[in-house]
Amino acid sequence: MKKEKQEKETLSVDSTISLKGIVRAIFNDTIHVQIGGKVISLPISNKDSKNLSL
């Protein structure tokens, strides 16, 4: 029986992640996104809003 080497994926601070969800509301400083059955609020700044692709 072969031993399979498990590769661990690590997430470091300030790394980028990508999640797909449904945008439910956008306010001046927050965006509310539904991912699965949960709606989460994400704070955004002027710098962040330039990188949003809706």
Protein backbone atom coordinates (compact mmCIF):
# COMPACT_ATOMS: atom_id res chain seq x y z
CA MET A 1 0.00 0.00 0.00
CA LYS A 2 1.42 3.34 -1.05
CA LYS A 3 1.50 6.18 1.39
CA GLU A 4 0.07 9.28 -0.20
CA LYS A 5 1.76 12.50 0.73
CA GLN A 6 -0.76 15.07 1.88
CA GLU A 7 -0.07 18.55 0.69
CA LYS A 8 -1.11 21.26 3.08
CA GLU A 9 -2.37 24.49 1.63
CA THR A 10 -1.63 27.50 3.76
CA LEU A 11 -3.32 30.86 3.76
CA SER A 12 -1.12 33.76 4.70
CA VAL A 13 -2.03 37.19 6.00
CA ASP A 14 -2.85 39.75 3.28
CA SER A 15 -3.46 37.02 0.70
CA THR A 16 -6.23 37.32 -1.88
CA ILE A 17 -9.24 35.03 -1.99
CA SER A 18 -12.05 34.81 -4.51
CA LEU A 19 -15.62 33.92 -3.57
CA LYS A 20 -18.67 33.93 -5.80
CA GLY A 21 -21.89 35.23 -4.32
CA ILE A 22 -24.95 37.37 -4.95
CA VAL A 23 -24.66 41.05 -4.10
CA ARG A 24 -27.72 41.92 -2.01
CA ALA A 25 -26.99 45.54 -1.07
CA ILE A 26 -24.29 48.19 -1.49
CA PHE A 27 -23.94 51.10 0.91
CA ASN A 28 -21.32 53.86 1.18
CA ASP A 29 -18.92 51.79 3.27
CA THR A 30 -20.22 48.18 3.16
CA ILE A 31 -21.31 45.61 0.62
CA HIS A 32 -23.68 42.77 1.57
CA VAL A 33 -23.07 39.51 -0.30
CA GLN A 34 -25.00 36.25 -0.09
CA ILE A 35 -22.76 33.18 -0.19
CA GLY A 36 -24.75 29.99 0.21
CA GLY A 37 -27.43 30.59 2.82
CA LYS A 38 -25.58 33.39 4.61
CA VAL A 39 -25.45 37.12 3.90
CA ILE A 40 -22.18 38.68 5.00
CA SER A 41 -21.26 42.35 5.30
CA LEU A 42 -17.88 43.40 3.96
CA PRO A 43 -16.41 46.81 4.73
CA ILE A 44 -15.02 48.59 1.68
CA SER A 45 -12.85 51.65 1.27
CA ASN A 46 -12.32 53.88 -1.75
CA LYS A 47 -9.24 51.81 -2.61
CA ASP A 48 -11.26 48.56 -2.45
CA SER A 49 -14.15 49.90 -4.53
CA LYS A 50 -11.83 50.39 -7.51
CA ASN A 51 -11.10 46.65 -7.50
CA LEU A 52 -14.74 45.46 -7.28
CA SER A 53 -16.05 43.65 -10.32
CA LEU A 54 -19.84 43.30 -10.18
